C-alpha atoms as a PDB file:
ATOM      1  CA  MET A   1       5.737 -15.092  15.819  1.00  0.00           C
ATOM      2  CA  ASN A   2       6.526 -17.536  13.119  1.00  0.00           C
ATOM      3  CA  PHE A   3       7.771 -16.934   9.514  1.00  0.00           C
ATOM      4  CA  GLU A   4       4.105 -17.303   8.092  1.00  0.00           C
ATOM      5  CA  THR A   5       2.928 -14.258  10.219  1.00  0.00           C
ATOM      6  CA  LEU A   6       5.734 -12.038   9.323  1.00  0.00           C
ATOM      7  CA  TYR A   7       5.605 -12.324   5.483  1.00  0.00           C
ATOM      8  CA  LEU A   8       2.643 -12.645   3.141  1.00  0.00           C
ATOM      9  CA  THR A   9       2.465 -14.535  -0.333  1.00  0.00           C
ATOM     10  CA  VAL A  10       1.112 -12.468  -3.322  1.00  0.00           C
ATOM     11  CA  ASP A  11      -2.208 -14.339  -2.874  1.00  0.00           C
ATOM     12  CA  GLN A  12      -2.471 -12.994   0.699  1.00  0.00           C
ATOM     13  CA  CYS A  13      -1.488  -9.586  -0.166  1.00  0.00           C
ATOM     14  CA  ALA A  14      -4.188  -9.324  -3.003  1.00  0.00           C
ATOM     15  CA  ALA A  15      -6.762 -10.734  -0.365  1.00  0.00           C
ATOM     16  CA  ARG A  16      -5.671  -8.111   2.160  1.00  0.00           C
ATOM     17  CA  TYR A  17      -6.612  -5.319  -0.314  1.00  0.00           C
ATOM     18  CA  SER A  18      -9.522  -7.095  -1.880  1.00  0.00           C
ATOM     19  CA  ILE A  19      -8.015  -6.904  -5.437  1.00  0.00           C
ATOM     20  CA  SER A  20      -6.862  -9.645  -7.810  1.00  0.00           C
ATOM     21  CA  LYS A  21      -3.410 -11.129  -7.773  1.00  0.00           C
ATOM     22  CA  ARG A  22      -2.716  -9.676 -11.198  1.00  0.00           C
ATOM     23  CA  HIS A  23      -3.790  -6.167 -10.206  1.00  0.00           C
ATOM     24  CA  PHE A  24      -1.639  -6.363  -6.986  1.00  0.00           C
ATOM     25  CA  LEU A  25       1.424  -7.331  -9.139  1.00  0.00           C
ATOM     26  CA  THR A  26       0.646  -4.418 -11.498  1.00  0.00           C
ATOM     27  CA  LEU A  27       0.721  -2.053  -8.623  1.00  0.00           C
ATOM     28  CA  VAL A  28       4.067  -3.425  -7.544  1.00  0.00           C
ATOM     29  CA  THR A  29       5.482  -3.159 -10.859  1.00  0.00           C
ATOM     30  CA  ARG A  30       4.368   0.537 -11.132  1.00  0.00           C
ATOM     31  CA  GLY A  31       5.810   1.240  -7.803  1.00  0.00           C
ATOM     32  CA  ASP A  32       2.373   1.903  -6.122  1.00  0.00           C
ATOM     33  CA  MET A  33       2.822  -0.934  -3.635  1.00  0.00           C
ATOM     34  CA  PRO A  34       5.802  -1.804  -1.721  1.00  0.00           C
ATOM     35  CA  GLN A  35       8.367  -4.051  -3.410  1.00  0.00           C
ATOM     36  CA  PRO A  36       8.735  -7.844  -2.182  1.00  0.00           C
ATOM     37  CA  ILE A  37      11.738  -9.405  -0.796  1.00  0.00           C
ATOM     38  CA  LYS A  38      13.225 -12.549  -2.169  1.00  0.00           C
ATOM     39  CA  ILE A  39      13.197 -15.554  -0.027  1.00  0.00           C
ATOM     40  CA  GLY A  40      15.015 -18.239  -2.061  1.00  0.00           C
ATOM     41  CA  THR A  41      12.940 -18.191  -5.249  1.00  0.00           C
ATOM     42  CA  CYS A  42       9.715 -16.762  -3.748  1.00  0.00           C
ATOM     43  CA  ASN A  43       8.561 -13.088  -3.401  1.00  0.00           C
ATOM     44  CA  ARG A  44       7.255 -12.184  -0.046  1.00  0.00           C
ATOM     45  CA  TRP A  45       5.917  -8.888   1.513  1.00  0.00           C
ATOM     46  CA  SER A  46       6.864  -7.961   5.003  1.00  0.00           C
ATOM     47  CA  ILE A  47       3.591  -7.199   7.088  1.00  0.00           C
ATOM     48  CA  ARG A  48       5.613  -4.467   8.902  1.00  0.00           C
ATOM     49  CA  VAL A  49       6.386  -2.817   5.459  1.00  0.00           C
ATOM     50  CA  LEU A  50       2.775  -3.119   4.303  1.00  0.00           C
ATOM     51  CA  GLU A  51       1.495  -1.756   7.626  1.00  0.00           C
ATOM     52  CA  GLU A  52       3.939   1.399   7.294  1.00  0.00           C
ATOM     53  CA  PHE A  53       2.881   1.908   3.725  1.00  0.00           C
ATOM     54  CA  GLU A  54      -0.863   1.691   4.723  1.00  0.00           C
ATOM     55  CA  ALA A  55      -0.291   4.285   7.570  1.00  0.00           C
ATOM     56  CA  GLU A  56       1.593   6.662   5.031  1.00  0.00           C
ATOM     57  CA  LEU A  57      -1.268   6.292   2.640  1.00  0.00           C
ATOM     58  CA  LEU A  58      -3.697   7.146   5.429  1.00  0.00           C
ATOM     59  CA  ASP A  59      -1.764  10.187   6.345  1.00  0.00           C
ATOM     60  CA  LYS A  60      -1.634  11.491   2.812  1.00  0.00           C
ATOM     61  CA  ASN A  61      -5.355  10.803   2.388  1.00  0.00           C
ATOM     62  CA  SER A  62      -6.292  12.671   5.736  1.00  0.00           C
ATOM     63  CA  VAL A  63      -4.119  15.576   4.672  1.00  0.00           C
ATOM     64  CA  ALA A  64      -5.935  15.689   1.354  1.00  0.00           C
ATOM     65  CA  PHE A  65      -9.299  15.344   2.894  1.00  0.00           C
ATOM     66  CA  GLU A  66      -8.420  18.175   5.309  1.00  0.00           C
ATOM     67  CA  MET A  67      -7.453  20.365   2.291  1.00  0.00           C
ATOM     68  CA  THR A  68     -10.892  19.668   0.740  1.00  0.00           C
ATOM     69  CA  LEU A  69     -12.609  21.004   3.857  1.00  0.00           C
ATOM     70  CA  GLN A  70     -10.796  24.421   3.565  1.00  0.00           C
ATOM     71  CA  PRO A  71     -12.888  27.020   2.151  1.00  0.00           C
ATOM     72  CA  CYS A  72     -12.179  27.934  -1.500  1.00  0.00           C
ATOM     73  CA  ARG A  73     -10.623  31.292  -2.187  1.00  0.00           C
ATOM     74  CA  LYS A  74     -11.567  33.209  -5.190  1.00  0.00           C
ATOM     75  CA  ARG A  75      -8.842  34.282  -7.359  1.00  0.00           C
ATOM     76  CA  ARG A  76      -8.115  38.122  -7.726  1.00  0.00           C
ATOM     77  CA  LYS A  77      -7.695  39.398 -11.197  1.00  0.00           C
END
């Protein structure tokens, strides 16, 4: 693997998630996306870190989805 396949630019990250570059950077600033690493003066995102983030997000969503499938319990007064 070469450097270009290990790290993504902000444009590549935005394209990966089908969102604008500005929105991606807003998500990074809010802490909703992984933080970049600095390579010289450039920000880059590790594909490995992004894949781990995606897997974690999928796990959280599947747990939330499974919880919605549970029958509702009525509250007792």
